[in-house]
Amino acid sequence: MKRFTSSIIAAAILGLSAHAPVQAMDVAGVQMEDTAKVGGKDLVLSNAGVRIKVLFKVYALGIYLNEKKSTVADILGAPGPKRFKLVMMRDVSGEEFGSSFMGAINKNLDKDEKSKFVNQLLKFGEMFETIGALKKGDVILSDWVPGTGTVLLLNGKPIVEPLPDAQFYSALLKIWLGDKPVDTSLKPVLLGEKHG
């Protein structure tokens, strides 16, 4: 009887899991998975939104953490692995994309941080020269992996050597979450204050 009961429970669990859809958030037509695995840890989608520049949708962005967070300090200070996923919604030259990113990083770093990160900023800037144009549908993943560093992938392929400093990953997140974000309408969406 005991074996029969456990097999019914197992069948019920299997049946439920077989019909459970893979959840994803629709961000202006771009699917952002609810979960991600980074550095062997399960992460959840904290929030996601769209970067808009002069009325054009440039990319969808999702931030993955160990749990959902709603303040800049909590997101930057979240322990363990992190990820941001960026999905291009239009074609952009590597030069234009790079200058936008580098400009936003520099606006949100103080003088000491800039000198501390000079080597990583150089590598990060050079990366945009090597990747060339970004096409609609391209996916950039940026993972913070403790013990490895910041790992950047374009369509699943590494595009720069891992960047070791955890504070540099925070500097990247400040592109959208800093005091001078690249898109002032995206920041509150990423903090869960508004829906994108």
C-alpha atoms as a PDB file:
ATOM      1  CA  MET A   1       0.000   0.000   0.000  1.00  0.00           C
ATOM      2  CA  LYS A   2       2.826   2.334   0.901  1.00  0.00           C
ATOM      3  CA  ARG A   3       4.528   1.740  -2.465  1.00  0.00           C
ATOM      4  CA  PHE A   4       1.208   2.311  -4.278  1.00  0.00           C
ATOM      5  CA  THR A   5       0.659   5.645  -2.480  1.00  0.00           C
ATOM      6  CA  SER A   6       4.172   6.883  -3.199  1.00  0.00           C
ATOM      7  CA  SER A   7       3.839   5.945  -6.886  1.00  0.00           C
ATOM      8  CA  ILE A   8       0.552   7.896  -7.096  1.00  0.00           C
ATOM      9  CA  ILE A   9       2.261  10.903  -5.497  1.00  0.00           C
ATOM     10  CA  ALA A  10       5.205  10.534  -7.876  1.00  0.00           C
ATOM     11  CA  ALA A  11       2.845  10.316 -10.862  1.00  0.00           C
ATOM     12  CA  ALA A  12       0.975  13.391  -9.661  1.00  0.00           C
ATOM     13  CA  ILE A  13       4.228  15.334  -9.276  1.00  0.00           C
ATOM     14  CA  LEU A  14       5.445  14.216 -12.704  1.00  0.00           C
ATOM     15  CA  GLY A  15       2.096  15.084 -14.218  1.00  0.00           C
ATOM     16  CA  LEU A  16       2.166  18.541 -12.699  1.00  0.00           C
ATOM     17  CA  SER A  17       5.729  19.219 -13.788  1.00  0.00           C
ATOM     18  CA  ALA A  18       5.060  17.939 -17.320  1.00  0.00           C
ATOM     19  CA  HIS A  19       2.253  20.487 -17.725  1.00  0.00           C
ATOM     20  CA  ALA A  20       3.940  23.367 -15.904  1.00  0.00           C
ATOM     21  CA  PRO A  21       4.890  25.938 -18.551  1.00  0.00           C
ATOM     22  CA  VAL A  22       8.320  27.558 -18.534  1.00  0.00           C
ATOM     23  CA  GLN A  23       7.540  31.008 -17.223  1.00  0.00           C
ATOM     24  CA  ALA A  24       8.855  34.112 -18.953  1.00  0.00           C
ATOM     25  CA  MET A  25       8.149  37.818 -18.759  1.00  0.00           C
ATOM     26  CA  ASP A  26       7.148  39.515 -22.002  1.00  0.00           C
ATOM     27  CA  VAL A  27       9.100  42.760 -22.303  1.00  0.00           C
ATOM     28  CA  ALA A  28       7.746  44.575 -25.367  1.00  0.00           C
ATOM     29  CA  GLY A  29       7.742  41.304 -27.301  1.00  0.00           C
ATOM     30  CA  VAL A  30      11.070  40.034 -25.918  1.00  0.00           C
ATOM     31  CA  GLN A  31      10.878  36.973 -23.654  1.00  0.00           C
ATOM     32  CA  MET A  32      12.873  37.221 -20.422  1.00  0.00           C
ATOM     33  CA  GLU A  33      13.058  33.903 -18.578  1.00  0.00           C
ATOM     34  CA  ASP A  34      11.906  34.013 -14.946  1.00  0.00           C
ATOM     35  CA  THR A  35      15.034  32.155 -13.813  1.00  0.00           C
ATOM     36  CA  ALA A  36      18.666  31.694 -14.826  1.00  0.00           C
ATOM     37  CA  LYS A  37      21.556  29.582 -13.592  1.00  0.00           C
ATOM     38  CA  VAL A  38      24.848  31.428 -13.073  1.00  0.00           C
ATOM     39  CA  GLY A  39      27.915  30.004 -11.354  1.00  0.00           C
ATOM     40  CA  GLY A  40      25.913  26.919 -10.378  1.00  0.00           C
ATOM     41  CA  LYS A  41      23.294  29.022  -8.539  1.00  0.00           C
ATOM     42  CA  ASP A  42      19.650  29.585  -9.422  1.00  0.00           C
ATOM     43  CA  LEU A  43      18.738  33.237  -9.939  1.00  0.00           C
ATOM     44  CA  VAL A  44      15.385  34.946 -10.429  1.00  0.00           C
ATOM     45  CA  LEU A  45      14.430  37.795 -12.720  1.00  0.00           C
ATOM     46  CA  SER A  46      14.349  40.816 -10.406  1.00  0.00           C
ATOM     47  CA  ASN A  47      12.854  43.165 -13.016  1.00  0.00           C
ATOM     48  CA  ALA A  48      13.067  43.964 -16.723  1.00  0.00           C
ATOM     49  CA  GLY A  49      12.325  46.877 -19.036  1.00  0.00           C
ATOM     50  CA  VAL A  50      13.122  48.538 -22.337  1.00  0.00           C
ATOM     51  CA  ARG A  51      15.798  51.121 -23.120  1.00  0.00           C
ATOM     52  CA  ILE A  52      14.232  53.818 -25.275  1.00  0.00           C
ATOM     53  CA  LYS A  53      16.228  56.470 -27.086  1.00  0.00           C
ATOM     54  CA  VAL A  54      14.471  59.200 -29.061  1.00  0.00           C
ATOM     55  CA  LEU A  55      11.248  57.160 -29.237  1.00  0.00           C
ATOM     56  CA  PHE A  56      13.066  54.050 -30.540  1.00  0.00           C
ATOM     57  CA  LYS A  57      13.263  50.805 -28.577  1.00  0.00           C
ATOM     58  CA  VAL A  58      16.973  49.973 -28.438  1.00  0.00           C
ATOM     59  CA  TYR A  59      17.083  46.876 -26.216  1.00  0.00           C
ATOM     60  CA  ALA A  60      15.251  44.931 -23.527  1.00  0.00           C
ATOM     61  CA  LEU A  61      17.136  44.468 -20.260  1.00  0.00           C
ATOM     62  CA  GLY A  62      16.578  42.042 -17.400  1.00  0.00           C
ATOM     63  CA  ILE A  63      18.501  41.817 -14.115  1.00  0.00           C
ATOM     64  CA  TYR A  64      18.803  38.430 -12.375  1.00  0.00           C
ATOM     65  CA  LEU A  65      19.658  38.113  -8.673  1.00  0.00           C
ATOM     66  CA  ASN A  66      19.380  35.567  -5.846  1.00  0.00           C
ATOM     67  CA  GLU A  67      15.980  37.149  -5.059  1.00  0.00           C
ATOM     68  CA  LYS A  68      13.928  40.096  -6.279  1.00  0.00           C
ATOM     69  CA  LYS A  69      15.213  43.466  -5.069  1.00  0.00           C
ATOM     70  CA  SER A  70      13.667  46.937  -5.260  1.00  0.00           C
ATOM     71  CA  THR A  71      16.415  49.372  -4.259  1.00  0.00           C
ATOM     72  CA  VAL A  72      19.677  50.285  -5.962  1.00  0.00           C
ATOM     73  CA  ALA A  73      21.657  49.464  -2.803  1.00  0.00           C
ATOM     74  CA  ASP A  74      20.050  46.011  -2.523  1.00  0.00           C
ATOM     75  CA  ILE A  75      20.665  45.198  -6.198  1.00  0.00           C
ATOM     76  CA  LEU A  76      24.298  46.347  -6.139  1.00  0.00           C
ATOM     77  CA  GLY A  77      24.895  44.611  -2.798  1.00  0.00           C
ATOM     78  CA  ALA A  78      23.100  41.352  -3.644  1.00  0.00           C
ATOM     79  CA  PRO A  79      25.342  38.424  -2.660  1.00  0.00           C
ATOM     80  CA  GLY A  80      26.550  35.723  -5.012  1.00  0.00           C
ATOM     81  CA  PRO A  81      26.223  35.518  -8.785  1.00  0.00           C
ATOM     82  CA  LYS A  82      24.295  38.111 -10.809  1.00  0.00           C
ATOM     83  CA  ARG A  83      23.296  38.485 -14.432  1.00  0.00           C
ATOM     84  CA  PHE A  84      21.989  41.106 -16.741  1.00  0.00           C
ATOM     85  CA  LYS A  85      20.524  40.013 -20.037  1.00  0.00           C
ATOM     86  CA  LEU A  86      20.287  42.503 -22.860  1.00  0.00           C
ATOM     87  CA  VAL A  87      18.371  41.674 -26.059  1.00  0.00           C
ATOM     88  CA  MET A  88      18.787  44.054 -28.988  1.00  0.00           C
ATOM     89  CA  MET A  89      15.547  45.422 -30.457  1.00  0.00           C
ATOM     90  CA  ARG A  90      17.213  47.237 -33.353  1.00  0.00           C
ATOM     91  CA  ASP A  91      20.527  47.282 -35.244  1.00  0.00           C
ATOM     92  CA  VAL A  92      23.209  49.464 -33.631  1.00  0.00           C
ATOM     93  CA  SER A  93      26.863  49.961 -34.575  1.00  0.00           C
ATOM     94  CA  GLY A  94      29.437  48.709 -32.066  1.00  0.00           C
ATOM     95  CA  GLU A  95      30.831  52.246 -31.898  1.00  0.00           C
ATOM     96  CA  GLU A  96      27.468  53.806 -31.039  1.00  0.00           C
ATOM     97  CA  PHE A  97      26.661  51.104 -28.491  1.00  0.00           C
ATOM     98  CA  GLY A  98      30.116  51.340 -26.915  1.00  0.00           C
ATOM     99  CA  SER A  99      30.091  55.122 -26.647  1.00  0.00           C
ATOM    100  CA  SER A 100      26.660  54.985 -24.981  1.00  0.00           C
ATOM    101  CA  PHE A 101      27.834  52.387 -22.457  1.00  0.00           C
ATOM    102  CA  MET A 102      31.173  54.050 -21.730  1.00  0.00           C
ATOM    103  CA  GLY A 103      29.545  57.470 -21.406  1.00  0.00           C
ATOM    104  CA  ALA A 104      26.999  56.115 -18.908  1.00  0.00           C
ATOM    105  CA  ILE A 105      29.685  54.312 -16.878  1.00  0.00           C
ATOM    106  CA  ASN A 106      31.855  57.436 -16.701  1.00  0.00           C
ATOM    107  CA  LYS A 107      28.916  59.627 -15.614  1.00  0.00           C
ATOM    108  CA  ASN A 108      28.237  57.303 -12.679  1.00  0.00           C
ATOM    109  CA  LEU A 109      31.802  56.785 -11.406  1.00  0.00           C
ATOM    110  CA  ASP A 110      33.772  59.177  -9.246  1.00  0.00           C
ATOM    111  CA  LYS A 111      37.419  60.019  -9.898  1.00  0.00           C
ATOM    112  CA  ASP A 112      38.771  57.337  -7.525  1.00  0.00           C
ATOM    113  CA  GLU A 113      36.598  54.631  -9.080  1.00  0.00           C
ATOM    114  CA  LYS A 114      37.711  55.615 -12.581  1.00  0.00           C
ATOM    115  CA  SER A 115      41.371  55.288 -11.620  1.00  0.00           C
ATOM    116  CA  LYS A 116      40.703  51.996  -9.787  1.00  0.00           C
ATOM    117  CA  PHE A 117      38.931  50.484 -12.808  1.00  0.00           C
ATOM    118  CA  VAL A 118      41.159  51.970 -15.525  1.00  0.00           C
ATOM    119  CA  ASN A 119      42.380  48.585 -16.854  1.00  0.00           C
ATOM    120  CA  GLN A 120      38.918  47.011 -16.805  1.00  0.00           C
ATOM    121  CA  LEU A 121      37.407  50.104 -18.444  1.00  0.00           C
ATOM    122  CA  LEU A 122      40.011  49.874 -21.220  1.00  0.00           C
ATOM    123  CA  LYS A 123      39.240  46.185 -21.841  1.00  0.00           C
ATOM    124  CA  PHE A 124      35.521  46.874 -21.734  1.00  0.00           C
ATOM    125  CA  GLY A 125      35.863  49.764 -24.208  1.00  0.00           C
ATOM    126  CA  GLU A 126      38.025  47.702 -26.579  1.00  0.00           C
ATOM    127  CA  MET A 127      35.395  44.972 -26.570  1.00  0.00           C
ATOM    128  CA  PHE A 128      32.973  47.197 -28.504  1.00  0.00           C
ATOM    129  CA  GLU A 129      35.567  47.745 -31.234  1.00  0.00           C
ATOM    130  CA  THR A 130      35.939  43.985 -31.725  1.00  0.00           C
ATOM    131  CA  ILE A 131      32.255  42.958 -31.699  1.00  0.00           C
ATOM    132  CA  GLY A 132      31.225  45.233 -34.564  1.00  0.00           C
ATOM    133  CA  ALA A 133      27.580  45.980 -35.278  1.00  0.00           C
ATOM    134  CA  LEU A 134      24.857  44.540 -33.073  1.00  0.00           C
ATOM    135  CA  LYS A 135      21.782  43.204 -34.839  1.00  0.00           C
ATOM    136  CA  LYS A 136      18.166  43.019 -33.747  1.00  0.00           C
ATOM    137  CA  GLY A 137      17.795  39.807 -31.698  1.00  0.00           C
ATOM    138  CA  ASP A 138      21.435  39.674 -30.540  1.00  0.00           C
ATOM    139  CA  VAL A 139      21.751  38.704 -26.876  1.00  0.00           C
ATOM    140  CA  ILE A 140      24.426  40.017 -24.516  1.00  0.00           C
ATOM    141  CA  LEU A 141      24.767  38.233 -21.177  1.00  0.00           C
ATOM    142  CA  SER A 142      26.877  39.771 -18.449  1.00  0.00           C
ATOM    143  CA  ASP A 143      27.397  37.484 -15.477  1.00  0.00           C
ATOM    144  CA  TRP A 144      29.101  38.161 -12.170  1.00  0.00           C
ATOM    145  CA  VAL A 145      30.601  34.812 -11.152  1.00  0.00           C
ATOM    146  CA  PRO A 146      32.346  34.885  -7.747  1.00  0.00           C
ATOM    147  CA  GLY A 147      35.902  33.592  -8.085  1.00  0.00           C
ATOM    148  CA  THR A 148      35.904  34.230 -11.858  1.00  0.00           C
ATOM    149  CA  GLY A 149      34.739  37.811 -12.388  1.00  0.00           C
ATOM    150  CA  THR A 150      32.515  39.553 -14.909  1.00  0.00           C
ATOM    151  CA  VAL A 151      31.917  37.263 -17.886  1.00  0.00           C
ATOM    152  CA  LEU A 152      30.457  38.827 -21.040  1.00  0.00           C
ATOM    153  CA  LEU A 153      28.906  36.765 -23.822  1.00  0.00           C
ATOM    154  CA  LEU A 154      27.458  37.810 -27.171  1.00  0.00           C
ATOM    155  CA  ASN A 155      25.067  35.159 -28.527  1.00  0.00           C
ATOM    156  CA  GLY A 156      26.713  32.614 -26.222  1.00  0.00           C
ATOM    157  CA  LYS A 157      30.338  33.413 -27.166  1.00  0.00           C
ATOM    158  CA  PRO A 158      32.799  35.123 -24.773  1.00  0.00           C
ATOM    159  CA  ILE A 159      33.725  38.626 -25.963  1.00  0.00           C
ATOM    160  CA  VAL A 160      36.267  39.659 -23.324  1.00  0.00           C
ATOM    161  CA  GLU A 161      38.493  38.011 -20.721  1.00  0.00           C
ATOM    162  CA  PRO A 162      36.761  37.866 -17.298  1.00  0.00           C
ATOM    163  CA  LEU A 163      37.036  41.203 -15.460  1.00  0.00           C
ATOM    164  CA  PRO A 164      37.914  40.384 -11.835  1.00  0.00           C
ATOM    165  CA  ASP A 165      36.593  43.213  -9.636  1.00  0.00           C
ATOM    166  CA  ALA A 166      33.095  42.842  -8.085  1.00  0.00           C
ATOM    167  CA  GLN A 167      32.834  46.627  -7.845  1.00  0.00           C
ATOM    168  CA  PHE A 168      33.307  46.849 -11.613  1.00  0.00           C
ATOM    169  CA  TYR A 169      30.170  44.742 -12.074  1.00  0.00           C
ATOM    170  CA  SER A 170      28.348  47.253  -9.875  1.00  0.00           C
ATOM    171  CA  ALA A 171      29.735  50.008 -12.111  1.00  0.00           C
ATOM    172  CA  LEU A 172      28.143  48.249 -15.100  1.00  0.00           C
ATOM    173  CA  LEU A 173      24.778  48.047 -13.341  1.00  0.00           C
ATOM    174  CA  LYS A 174      25.015  51.769 -12.600  1.00  0.00           C
ATOM    175  CA  ILE A 175      24.633  52.364 -16.353  1.00  0.00           C
ATOM    176  CA  TRP A 176      20.912  51.879 -15.625  1.00  0.00           C
ATOM    177  CA  LEU A 177      20.752  52.247 -11.829  1.00  0.00           C
ATOM    178  CA  GLY A 178      23.233  55.042 -11.075  1.00  0.00           C
ATOM    179  CA  ASP A 179      22.448  58.646 -10.142  1.00  0.00           C
ATOM    180  CA  LYS A 180      22.740  59.568 -13.848  1.00  0.00           C
ATOM    181  CA  PRO A 181      21.207  56.551 -15.624  1.00  0.00           C
ATOM    182  CA  VAL A 182      21.384  56.189 -19.390  1.00  0.00           C
ATOM    183  CA  ASP A 183      17.546  56.119 -19.459  1.00  0.00           C
ATOM    184  CA  THR A 184      15.646  57.827 -16.631  1.00  0.00           C
ATOM    185  CA  SER A 185      12.401  56.013 -17.504  1.00  0.00           C
ATOM    186  CA  LEU A 186      14.038  52.557 -17.355  1.00  0.00           C
ATOM    187  CA  LYS A 187      15.528  52.902 -13.852  1.00  0.00           C
ATOM    188  CA  PRO A 188      12.192  52.909 -11.952  1.00  0.00           C
ATOM    189  CA  VAL A 189      11.037  49.897 -14.023  1.00  0.00           C
ATOM    190  CA  LEU A 190      14.158  47.969 -13.004  1.00  0.00           C
ATOM    191  CA  LEU A 191      13.411  48.846  -9.366  1.00  0.00           C
ATOM    192  CA  GLY A 192       9.837  47.574  -9.726  1.00  0.00           C
ATOM    193  CA  GLU A 193       8.334  51.034  -9.195  1.00  0.00           C
ATOM    194  CA  LYS A 194       6.717  51.069 -12.648  1.00  0.00           C
ATOM    195  CA  HIS A 195       5.878  48.479 -15.266  1.00  0.00           C
ATOM    196  CA  GLY A 196       7.668  48.708 -18.593  1.00  0.00           C
END
